[in-house]
Amino acid sequence: MADTLTRAQIIEGTLDATGLSVAIVVSRFNNFITDRLLDGALDTLVRSGARAEDITVVRVPGAFEIPSAVSQVLGSRNVDAVITLGCLIKGDTIHFDLIAQEVTRSIGQLALAFEVPISFGVLTTDTLEQAIHRAGSKAGNKGGEAALAAIEQVRLFRALAADARARDAADGAGDAGE
């Protein structure tokens, strides 16, 4: 297996945010959690090389509004990636399930439709304590993790595009000699 891996072509992204333009769409609902997620994302982006002036923060009322704002951002701005941040805490009704499913599905569809990396930093927890742990306590900061995922995906997409261009150039060079 190790021998096969050494012969395989591996394409992956890096964690260098230098020169990237990033939008962060963050929910105000449960802002005592989402503000921590936002802080984690901003800190991670800047530590990874992004300039503060290349980051746009878009605040929406709640998690349900995240996908429509992402769609607007992708349609009106030239961004390399979008980070989504929100916090849904399960209650006694099915509201949590409905919102969580719709937000997740919609963000995934937008990522495919626009072919722009969209990272998912929307917490879906059973308890407030779980949310606190994921917003910078015991479980790290999921906002920072979402920022890292966005950076890596941008770099991966660019590496894949460069690889495709190199293959096309090599194919064209081979065709020219025929």
N, C-alpha and C. Protein backbone atom coordinates (compact mmCIF):
# COMPACT_ATOMS: atom_id res chain seq x y z
N MET A 1 0.82 -1.20 0.00
CA MET A 1 0.00 0.00 0.00
C MET A 1 0.87 1.26 0.00
N ALA A 2 1.90 1.30 0.83
CA ALA A 2 2.77 2.48 0.89
C ALA A 2 3.45 2.70 -0.45
N ASP A 3 3.84 1.61 -1.14
CA ASP A 3 4.49 1.72 -2.44
C ASP A 3 3.52 2.31 -3.47
N THR A 4 2.27 1.88 -3.42
CA THR A 4 1.26 2.42 -4.34
C THR A 4 1.06 3.90 -4.10
N LEU A 5 1.02 4.29 -2.84
CA LEU A 5 0.84 5.70 -2.51
C LEU A 5 2.00 6.55 -3.01
N THR A 6 3.21 6.03 -2.94
CA THR A 6 4.36 6.82 -3.39
C THR A 6 4.35 6.99 -4.91
N ARG A 7 3.70 6.09 -5.63
CA ARG A 7 3.62 6.22 -7.09
C ARG A 7 2.38 6.98 -7.54
N ALA A 8 1.41 7.11 -6.68
CA ALA A 8 0.17 7.81 -7.03
C ALA A 8 0.41 9.31 -7.12
N GLN A 9 -0.30 9.95 -8.02
CA GLN A 9 -0.26 11.40 -8.08
C GLN A 9 -1.18 11.94 -6.98
N ILE A 10 -0.65 12.76 -6.12
CA ILE A 10 -1.44 13.32 -5.01
C ILE A 10 -1.60 14.81 -5.26
N ILE A 11 -2.84 15.24 -5.28
CA ILE A 11 -3.15 16.66 -5.44
C ILE A 11 -3.89 17.08 -4.18
N GLU A 12 -3.38 18.10 -3.52
CA GLU A 12 -4.03 18.59 -2.31
C GLU A 12 -3.81 20.08 -2.18
N GLY A 13 -4.62 20.68 -1.31
CA GLY A 13 -4.51 22.10 -1.08
C GLY A 13 -3.56 22.41 0.06
N THR A 14 -3.21 23.67 0.17
CA THR A 14 -2.37 24.14 1.27
C THR A 14 -3.22 25.02 2.19
N LEU A 15 -2.61 25.47 3.25
CA LEU A 15 -3.32 26.33 4.22
C LEU A 15 -2.80 27.76 4.16
N ASP A 16 -2.50 28.23 2.96
CA ASP A 16 -2.00 29.58 2.74
C ASP A 16 -3.12 30.46 2.21
N ALA A 17 -3.56 31.42 3.01
CA ALA A 17 -4.66 32.30 2.61
C ALA A 17 -4.18 33.59 1.96
N THR A 18 -2.88 33.70 1.70
CA THR A 18 -2.33 34.91 1.10
C THR A 18 -3.02 35.22 -0.22
N GLY A 19 -3.52 36.44 -0.34
CA GLY A 19 -4.15 36.89 -1.57
C GLY A 19 -5.58 36.44 -1.78
N LEU A 20 -6.14 35.69 -0.85
CA LEU A 20 -7.51 35.21 -1.03
C LEU A 20 -8.53 36.25 -0.58
N SER A 21 -9.64 36.28 -1.30
CA SER A 21 -10.79 37.09 -0.92
C SER A 21 -11.84 36.14 -0.36
N VAL A 22 -12.25 36.37 0.88
CA VAL A 22 -13.14 35.45 1.57
C VAL A 22 -14.33 36.20 2.16
N ALA A 23 -15.50 35.63 2.00
CA ALA A 23 -16.70 36.16 2.66
C ALA A 23 -17.08 35.20 3.78
N ILE A 24 -17.51 35.76 4.89
CA ILE A 24 -18.01 34.97 6.01
C ILE A 24 -19.46 35.37 6.22
N VAL A 25 -20.37 34.41 6.07
CA VAL A 25 -21.79 34.67 6.32
C VAL A 25 -22.11 34.06 7.68
N VAL A 26 -22.48 34.92 8.62
CA VAL A 26 -22.66 34.49 10.01
C VAL A 26 -24.03 34.90 10.55
N SER A 27 -24.64 33.98 11.24
CA SER A 27 -25.94 34.21 11.84
C SER A 27 -25.82 35.01 13.14
N ARG A 28 -26.74 35.96 13.35
CA ARG A 28 -26.79 36.70 14.62
C ARG A 28 -27.50 35.89 15.71
N PHE A 29 -28.41 34.99 15.32
CA PHE A 29 -29.13 34.19 16.31
C PHE A 29 -28.13 33.32 17.06
N ASN A 30 -28.26 33.27 18.37
CA ASN A 30 -27.28 32.60 19.24
C ASN A 30 -25.90 33.27 19.11
N ASN A 31 -25.92 34.61 19.04
CA ASN A 31 -24.67 35.35 18.80
C ASN A 31 -23.63 35.16 19.89
N PHE A 32 -24.01 34.74 21.06
CA PHE A 32 -23.00 34.46 22.09
C PHE A 32 -22.13 33.28 21.67
N ILE A 33 -22.62 32.47 20.76
CA ILE A 33 -21.83 31.37 20.17
C ILE A 33 -21.25 31.81 18.83
N THR A 34 -22.09 32.38 17.96
CA THR A 34 -21.62 32.69 16.61
C THR A 34 -20.54 33.78 16.60
N ASP A 35 -20.57 34.69 17.56
CA ASP A 35 -19.49 35.69 17.64
C ASP A 35 -18.15 35.01 17.93
N ARG A 36 -18.16 33.97 18.74
CA ARG A 36 -16.93 33.21 19.01
C ARG A 36 -16.47 32.46 17.77
N LEU A 37 -17.42 31.90 17.03
CA LEU A 37 -17.08 31.22 15.77
C LEU A 37 -16.45 32.21 14.79
N LEU A 38 -17.06 33.39 14.71
CA LEU A 38 -16.54 34.43 13.83
C LEU A 38 -15.13 34.84 14.24
N ASP A 39 -14.90 35.04 15.52
CA ASP A 39 -13.56 35.38 15.99
C ASP A 39 -12.55 34.31 15.59
N GLY A 40 -12.94 33.04 15.73
CA GLY A 40 -12.05 31.94 15.36
C GLY A 40 -11.75 31.93 13.87
N ALA A 41 -12.75 32.18 13.05
CA ALA A 41 -12.56 32.20 11.60
C ALA A 41 -11.65 33.36 11.19
N LEU A 42 -11.93 34.55 11.73
CA LEU A 42 -11.11 35.72 11.39
C LEU A 42 -9.66 35.53 11.82
N ASP A 43 -9.46 35.04 13.03
CA ASP A 43 -8.11 34.81 13.53
C ASP A 43 -7.37 33.81 12.64
N THR A 44 -8.04 32.73 12.27
CA THR A 44 -7.42 31.71 11.43
C THR A 44 -7.06 32.26 10.06
N LEU A 45 -7.96 33.02 9.46
CA LEU A 45 -7.68 33.59 8.14
C LEU A 45 -6.46 34.51 8.18
N VAL A 46 -6.43 35.40 9.15
CA VAL A 46 -5.32 36.35 9.24
C VAL A 46 -4.01 35.62 9.56
N ARG A 47 -4.05 34.67 10.47
CA ARG A 47 -2.84 33.89 10.79
C ARG A 47 -2.35 33.07 9.59
N SER A 48 -3.26 32.77 8.67
CA SER A 48 -2.90 31.99 7.49
C SER A 48 -2.50 32.85 6.31
N GLY A 49 -2.48 34.18 6.51
CA GLY A 49 -1.96 35.07 5.48
C GLY A 49 -2.97 35.99 4.82
N ALA A 50 -4.24 35.86 5.15
CA ALA A 50 -5.25 36.75 4.55
C ALA A 50 -5.12 38.15 5.13
N ARG A 51 -5.44 39.14 4.31
CA ARG A 51 -5.46 40.51 4.79
C ARG A 51 -6.88 40.84 5.24
N ALA A 52 -7.00 41.57 6.35
CA ALA A 52 -8.31 41.92 6.88
C ALA A 52 -9.19 42.60 5.83
N GLU A 53 -8.60 43.42 4.99
CA GLU A 53 -9.39 44.13 3.98
C GLU A 53 -9.88 43.21 2.85
N ASP A 54 -9.41 41.98 2.80
CA ASP A 54 -9.87 41.00 1.82
C ASP A 54 -10.94 40.06 2.39
N ILE A 55 -11.41 40.37 3.59
CA ILE A 55 -12.43 39.56 4.26
C ILE A 55 -13.69 40.40 4.39
N THR A 56 -14.82 39.84 3.96
CA THR A 56 -16.11 40.50 4.09
C THR A 56 -16.97 39.67 5.04
N VAL A 57 -17.51 40.31 6.07
CA VAL A 57 -18.40 39.64 7.01
C VAL A 57 -19.83 40.08 6.71
N VAL A 58 -20.69 39.11 6.47
CA VAL A 58 -22.10 39.37 6.18
C VAL A 58 -22.91 38.76 7.31
N ARG A 59 -23.65 39.59 8.04
CA ARG A 59 -24.46 39.11 9.16
C ARG A 59 -25.91 38.92 8.70
N VAL A 60 -26.46 37.78 9.07
CA VAL A 60 -27.85 37.46 8.73
C VAL A 60 -28.61 37.19 10.03
N PRO A 61 -29.94 37.28 10.00
CA PRO A 61 -30.70 37.09 11.24
C PRO A 61 -30.53 35.71 11.88
N GLY A 62 -30.64 34.65 11.07
CA GLY A 62 -30.56 33.30 11.62
C GLY A 62 -29.96 32.34 10.62
N ALA A 63 -29.83 31.10 11.01
CA ALA A 63 -29.22 30.08 10.15
C ALA A 63 -30.01 29.88 8.85
N PHE A 64 -31.33 29.99 8.93
CA PHE A 64 -32.15 29.77 7.74
C PHE A 64 -31.81 30.77 6.63
N GLU A 65 -31.38 31.96 7.01
CA GLU A 65 -31.06 33.01 6.04
C GLU A 65 -29.66 32.89 5.46
N ILE A 66 -28.84 32.01 5.98
CA ILE A 66 -27.46 31.87 5.49
C ILE A 66 -27.42 31.53 4.00
N PRO A 67 -28.13 30.49 3.52
CA PRO A 67 -28.00 30.15 2.09
C PRO A 67 -28.37 31.28 1.14
N SER A 68 -29.44 32.01 1.42
CA SER A 68 -29.83 33.09 0.50
C SER A 68 -28.77 34.19 0.48
N ALA A 69 -28.16 34.48 1.63
CA ALA A 69 -27.09 35.47 1.66
C ALA A 69 -25.85 34.96 0.91
N VAL A 70 -25.54 33.69 1.05
CA VAL A 70 -24.41 33.11 0.31
C VAL A 70 -24.66 33.25 -1.18
N SER A 71 -25.87 32.97 -1.62
CA SER A 71 -26.21 33.10 -3.03
C SER A 71 -26.00 34.53 -3.52
N GLN A 72 -26.43 35.51 -2.73
CA GLN A 72 -26.23 36.92 -3.08
C GLN A 72 -24.75 37.27 -3.14
N VAL A 73 -24.00 36.81 -2.16
CA VAL A 73 -22.55 37.08 -2.13
C VAL A 73 -21.89 36.51 -3.38
N LEU A 74 -22.21 35.26 -3.71
CA LEU A 74 -21.58 34.62 -4.86
C LEU A 74 -22.01 35.26 -6.17
N GLY A 75 -23.20 35.81 -6.21
CA GLY A 75 -23.68 36.46 -7.42
C GLY A 75 -23.19 37.88 -7.61
N SER A 76 -22.80 38.53 -6.51
CA SER A 76 -22.46 39.96 -6.61
C SER A 76 -21.02 40.30 -6.27
N ARG A 77 -20.27 39.37 -5.73
CA ARG A 77 -18.89 39.65 -5.33
C ARG A 77 -17.96 38.63 -5.96
N ASN A 78 -16.73 39.04 -6.11
CA ASN A 78 -15.72 38.12 -6.59
C ASN A 78 -14.96 37.59 -5.38
N VAL A 79 -15.40 36.46 -4.86
CA VAL A 79 -14.75 35.86 -3.69
C VAL A 79 -14.19 34.49 -4.06
N ASP A 80 -13.13 34.13 -3.38
CA ASP A 80 -12.51 32.82 -3.60
C ASP A 80 -13.21 31.73 -2.80
N ALA A 81 -13.80 32.11 -1.67
CA ALA A 81 -14.47 31.14 -0.80
C ALA A 81 -15.47 31.85 0.10
N VAL A 82 -16.42 31.07 0.60
CA VAL A 82 -17.39 31.56 1.57
C VAL A 82 -17.36 30.62 2.77
N ILE A 83 -17.34 31.20 3.94
CA ILE A 83 -17.41 30.45 5.19
C ILE A 83 -18.78 30.72 5.80
N THR A 84 -19.51 29.68 6.15
CA THR A 84 -20.82 29.85 6.77
C THR A 84 -20.72 29.50 8.25
N LEU A 85 -21.28 30.36 9.09
CA LEU A 85 -21.23 30.16 10.53
C LEU A 85 -22.61 30.38 11.14
N GLY A 86 -23.03 29.47 11.97
CA GLY A 86 -24.30 29.59 12.65
C GLY A 86 -24.35 28.61 13.81
N CYS A 87 -25.44 28.67 14.56
CA CYS A 87 -25.58 27.78 15.71
C CYS A 87 -27.05 27.41 15.89
N LEU A 88 -27.32 26.13 15.72
CA LEU A 88 -28.66 25.58 15.95
C LEU A 88 -28.57 24.65 17.15
N ILE A 89 -29.42 24.90 18.13
CA ILE A 89 -29.45 24.06 19.33
C ILE A 89 -30.81 23.37 19.38
N LYS A 90 -30.78 22.06 19.48
CA LYS A 90 -32.01 21.25 19.44
C LYS A 90 -32.96 21.66 20.58
N GLY A 91 -34.20 21.77 20.24
CA GLY A 91 -35.23 22.08 21.23
C GLY A 91 -36.24 20.94 21.32
N ASP A 92 -37.43 21.27 21.75
CA ASP A 92 -38.47 20.25 21.94
C ASP A 92 -39.37 20.05 20.73
N THR A 93 -39.15 20.83 19.65
CA THR A 93 -39.98 20.70 18.46
C THR A 93 -39.12 20.25 17.27
N ILE A 94 -39.76 20.05 16.12
CA ILE A 94 -39.01 19.62 14.94
C ILE A 94 -38.36 20.80 14.20
N HIS A 95 -38.53 22.00 14.69
CA HIS A 95 -37.96 23.20 14.06
C HIS A 95 -36.47 23.02 13.79
N PHE A 96 -35.72 22.54 14.78
CA PHE A 96 -34.28 22.31 14.65
C PHE A 96 -34.00 21.42 13.44
N ASP A 97 -34.71 20.29 13.36
CA ASP A 97 -34.47 19.33 12.28
C ASP A 97 -34.75 19.95 10.91
N LEU A 98 -35.84 20.68 10.81
CA LEU A 98 -36.20 21.30 9.54
C LEU A 98 -35.16 22.32 9.11
N ILE A 99 -34.76 23.19 10.01
CA ILE A 99 -33.78 24.23 9.68
C ILE A 99 -32.43 23.61 9.37
N ALA A 100 -31.96 22.68 10.19
CA ALA A 100 -30.66 22.05 9.99
C ALA A 100 -30.59 21.37 8.63
N GLN A 101 -31.63 20.62 8.28
CA GLN A 101 -31.63 19.92 6.99
C GLN A 101 -31.64 20.89 5.81
N GLU A 102 -32.47 21.91 5.90
CA GLU A 102 -32.59 22.85 4.79
C GLU A 102 -31.31 23.66 4.59
N VAL A 103 -30.73 24.14 5.67
CA VAL A 103 -29.50 24.92 5.58
C VAL A 103 -28.37 24.07 5.00
N THR A 104 -28.23 22.86 5.49
CA THR A 104 -27.18 21.96 5.02
C THR A 104 -27.35 21.66 3.53
N ARG A 105 -28.56 21.29 3.14
CA ARG A 105 -28.83 20.96 1.75
C ARG A 105 -28.58 22.16 0.83
N SER A 106 -29.07 23.31 1.24
CA SER A 106 -28.95 24.51 0.41
C SER A 106 -27.50 24.94 0.24
N ILE A 107 -26.72 24.89 1.28
CA ILE A 107 -25.31 25.27 1.18
C ILE A 107 -24.57 24.32 0.25
N GLY A 108 -24.85 23.04 0.37
CA GLY A 108 -24.23 22.07 -0.53
C GLY A 108 -24.59 22.32 -1.99
N GLN A 109 -25.85 22.64 -2.25
CA GLN A 109 -26.28 22.93 -3.61
C GLN A 109 -25.60 24.17 -4.17
N LEU A 110 -25.46 25.19 -3.33
CA LEU A 110 -24.80 26.42 -3.77
C LEU A 110 -23.33 26.16 -4.12
N ALA A 111 -22.66 25.35 -3.31
CA ALA A 111 -21.25 25.04 -3.58
C ALA A 111 -21.10 24.36 -4.93
N LEU A 112 -22.01 23.46 -5.25
CA LEU A 112 -21.95 22.77 -6.53
C LEU A 112 -22.34 23.70 -7.69
N ALA A 113 -23.36 24.51 -7.50
CA ALA A 113 -23.84 25.38 -8.57
C ALA A 113 -22.82 26.46 -8.93
N PHE A 114 -22.18 27.05 -7.93
CA PHE A 114 -21.25 28.15 -8.18
C PHE A 114 -19.81 27.67 -8.34
N GLU A 115 -19.52 26.43 -7.98
CA GLU A 115 -18.17 25.88 -8.03
C GLU A 115 -17.17 26.75 -7.28
N VAL A 116 -17.61 27.26 -6.16
CA VAL A 116 -16.78 28.05 -5.25
C VAL A 116 -16.81 27.33 -3.91
N PRO A 117 -15.66 27.17 -3.27
CA PRO A 117 -15.67 26.50 -1.96
C PRO A 117 -16.53 27.25 -0.94
N ILE A 118 -17.41 26.50 -0.31
CA ILE A 118 -18.24 27.02 0.78
C ILE A 118 -18.03 26.07 1.94
N SER A 119 -17.46 26.57 3.01
CA SER A 119 -17.25 25.69 4.16
C SER A 119 -18.43 25.80 5.13
N PHE A 120 -18.70 24.70 5.81
CA PHE A 120 -19.88 24.59 6.66
C PHE A 120 -19.46 24.69 8.12
N GLY A 121 -19.70 25.83 8.72
CA GLY A 121 -19.40 26.04 10.13
C GLY A 121 -20.66 26.30 10.93
N VAL A 122 -21.75 25.67 10.53
CA VAL A 122 -23.02 25.82 11.25
C VAL A 122 -23.11 24.69 12.27
N LEU A 123 -23.04 25.06 13.53
CA LEU A 123 -23.14 24.06 14.58
C LEU A 123 -24.56 23.53 14.68
N THR A 124 -24.68 22.24 14.86
CA THR A 124 -25.98 21.61 15.11
C THR A 124 -25.78 20.74 16.35
N THR A 125 -26.20 21.26 17.48
CA THR A 125 -25.91 20.59 18.75
C THR A 125 -27.20 20.26 19.50
N ASP A 126 -27.07 19.32 20.41
CA ASP A 126 -28.19 18.95 21.26
C ASP A 126 -28.36 19.90 22.44
N THR A 127 -27.23 20.48 22.88
CA THR A 127 -27.28 21.32 24.09
C THR A 127 -26.44 22.58 23.92
N LEU A 128 -26.73 23.56 24.74
CA LEU A 128 -25.92 24.78 24.78
C LEU A 128 -24.48 24.45 25.16
N GLU A 129 -24.30 23.54 26.09
CA GLU A 129 -22.95 23.16 26.51
C GLU A 129 -22.13 22.63 25.34
N GLN A 130 -22.73 21.80 24.49
CA GLN A 130 -22.03 21.30 23.30
C GLN A 130 -21.63 22.45 22.38
N ALA A 131 -22.52 23.40 22.21
CA ALA A 131 -22.22 24.56 21.35
C ALA A 131 -21.05 25.36 21.91
N ILE A 132 -21.06 25.58 23.22
CA ILE A 132 -19.96 26.32 23.86
C ILE A 132 -18.64 25.60 23.65
N HIS A 133 -18.65 24.28 23.78
CA HIS A 133 -17.43 23.51 23.59
C HIS A 133 -16.90 23.62 22.16
N ARG A 134 -17.79 23.75 21.19
CA ARG A 134 -17.38 23.80 19.78
C ARG A 134 -17.04 25.22 19.33
N ALA A 135 -17.29 26.19 20.17
CA ALA A 135 -17.03 27.59 19.82
C ALA A 135 -15.81 28.13 20.55
N GLY A 136 -14.88 27.27 20.86
CA GLY A 136 -13.63 27.74 21.44
C GLY A 136 -13.29 27.15 22.77
N SER A 137 -14.06 26.20 23.22
CA SER A 137 -13.78 25.58 24.51
C SER A 137 -13.11 24.23 24.29
N LYS A 138 -13.64 23.18 24.86
CA LYS A 138 -13.01 21.85 24.83
C LYS A 138 -12.83 21.27 23.44
N ALA A 139 -13.74 21.53 22.53
CA ALA A 139 -13.68 20.91 21.20
C ALA A 139 -13.04 21.82 20.16
N GLY A 140 -12.28 22.82 20.59
CA GLY A 140 -11.68 23.75 19.64
C GLY A 140 -12.69 24.76 19.14
N ASN A 141 -12.33 25.45 18.08
CA ASN A 141 -13.23 26.46 17.52
C ASN A 141 -13.60 26.03 16.11
N LYS A 142 -14.85 25.66 15.93
CA LYS A 142 -15.31 25.18 14.62
C LYS A 142 -15.32 26.29 13.58
N GLY A 143 -15.34 27.55 14.00
CA GLY A 143 -15.21 28.67 13.06
C GLY A 143 -13.82 28.68 12.44
N GLY A 144 -12.81 28.47 13.27
CA GLY A 144 -11.44 28.38 12.77
C GLY A 144 -11.26 27.19 11.86
N GLU A 145 -11.87 26.06 12.23
CA GLU A 145 -11.79 24.87 11.38
C GLU A 145 -12.47 25.09 10.03
N ALA A 146 -13.59 25.79 10.03
CA ALA A 146 -14.28 26.10 8.77
C ALA A 146 -13.42 27.00 7.90
N ALA A 147 -12.70 27.94 8.51
CA ALA A 147 -11.80 28.81 7.76
C ALA A 147 -10.67 27.99 7.13
N LEU A 148 -10.10 27.07 7.89
CA LEU A 148 -9.04 26.22 7.33
C LEU A 148 -9.55 25.38 6.17
N ALA A 149 -10.76 24.85 6.31
CA ALA A 149 -11.34 24.05 5.22
C ALA A 149 -11.54 24.90 3.97
N ALA A 150 -11.99 26.13 4.13
CA ALA A 150 -12.20 27.02 2.99
C ALA A 150 -10.87 27.31 2.29
N ILE A 151 -9.86 27.64 3.06
CA ILE A 151 -8.54 27.93 2.49
C ILE A 151 -8.02 26.72 1.71
N GLU A 152 -8.08 25.57 2.34
CA GLU A 152 -7.56 24.36 1.70
C GLU A 152 -8.32 24.03 0.42
N GLN A 153 -9.64 24.21 0.42
CA GLN A 153 -10.43 23.92 -0.77
C GLN A 153 -10.09 24.86 -1.92
N VAL A 154 -9.89 26.16 -1.63
CA VAL A 154 -9.49 27.10 -2.68
C VAL A 154 -8.18 26.63 -3.30
N ARG A 155 -7.22 26.32 -2.46
CA ARG A 155 -5.90 25.89 -2.96
C ARG A 155 -6.01 24.55 -3.71
N LEU A 156 -6.87 23.67 -3.25
CA LEU A 156 -7.07 22.40 -3.95
C LEU A 156 -7.68 22.63 -5.33
N PHE A 157 -8.72 23.47 -5.40
CA PHE A 157 -9.36 23.77 -6.68
C PHE A 157 -8.33 24.34 -7.65
N ARG A 158 -7.47 25.22 -7.15
CA ARG A 158 -6.45 25.83 -8.02
C ARG A 158 -5.41 24.80 -8.45
N ALA A 159 -5.05 23.91 -7.55
CA ALA A 159 -4.09 22.84 -7.90
C ALA A 159 -4.70 21.91 -8.94
N LEU A 160 -5.98 21.58 -8.81
CA LEU A 160 -6.64 20.73 -9.79
C LEU A 160 -6.71 21.42 -11.15
N ALA A 161 -7.00 22.71 -11.16
CA ALA A 161 -7.06 23.46 -12.42
C ALA A 161 -5.68 23.52 -13.07
N ALA A 162 -4.65 23.74 -12.28
CA ALA A 162 -3.28 23.78 -12.81
C ALA A 162 -2.89 22.42 -13.38
N ASP A 163 -3.27 21.36 -12.70
CA ASP A 163 -2.98 20.01 -13.17
C ASP A 163 -3.70 19.75 -14.50
N ALA A 164 -4.94 20.18 -14.59
CA ALA A 164 -5.70 19.99 -15.83
C ALA A 164 -5.06 20.77 -16.98
N ARG A 165 -4.62 22.01 -16.70
CA ARG A 165 -3.96 22.80 -17.74
C ARG A 165 -2.66 22.13 -18.18
N ALA A 166 -1.91 21.60 -17.23
CA ALA A 166 -0.65 20.93 -17.57
C ALA A 166 -0.91 19.69 -18.42
N ARG A 167 -1.95 18.95 -18.08
CA ARG A 167 -2.30 17.75 -18.87
C ARG A 167 -2.75 18.14 -20.28
N ASP A 168 -3.55 19.22 -20.37
CA ASP A 168 -3.99 19.69 -21.68
C ASP A 168 -2.80 20.14 -22.53
N ALA A 169 -1.87 20.85 -21.90
CA ALA A 169 -0.67 21.32 -22.62
C ALA A 169 0.16 20.13 -23.09
N ALA A 170 0.29 19.12 -22.23
CA ALA A 170 1.06 17.93 -22.61
C ALA A 170 0.35 17.19 -23.75
N ASP A 171 -0.96 17.10 -23.70
CA ASP A 171 -1.72 16.46 -24.77
C ASP A 171 -1.59 17.23 -26.06
N GLY A 172 -1.62 18.56 -25.97
CA GLY A 172 -1.47 19.41 -27.16
C GLY A 172 -0.09 19.29 -27.77
N ALA A 173 0.94 19.16 -26.93
CA ALA A 173 2.30 19.02 -27.42
C ALA A 173 2.47 17.70 -28.13
N GLY A 174 1.80 16.67 -27.60
CA GLY A 174 1.87 15.34 -28.23
C GLY A 174 1.14 15.33 -29.56
N ASP A 175 0.02 16.06 -29.65
CA ASP A 175 -0.75 16.12 -30.88
C ASP A 175 0.01 16.89 -31.97
N ALA A 176 0.81 17.89 -31.58
CA ALA A 176 1.53 18.72 -32.54
C ALA A 176 2.58 17.92 -33.30
N GLY A 177 3.10 16.88 -32.69
CA GLY A 177 4.15 16.09 -33.31
C GLY A 177 3.62 15.01 -34.23
N GLU A 178 2.32 14.87 -34.34
CA GLU A 178 1.75 13.78 -35.16
C GLU A 178 1.69 14.14 -36.60
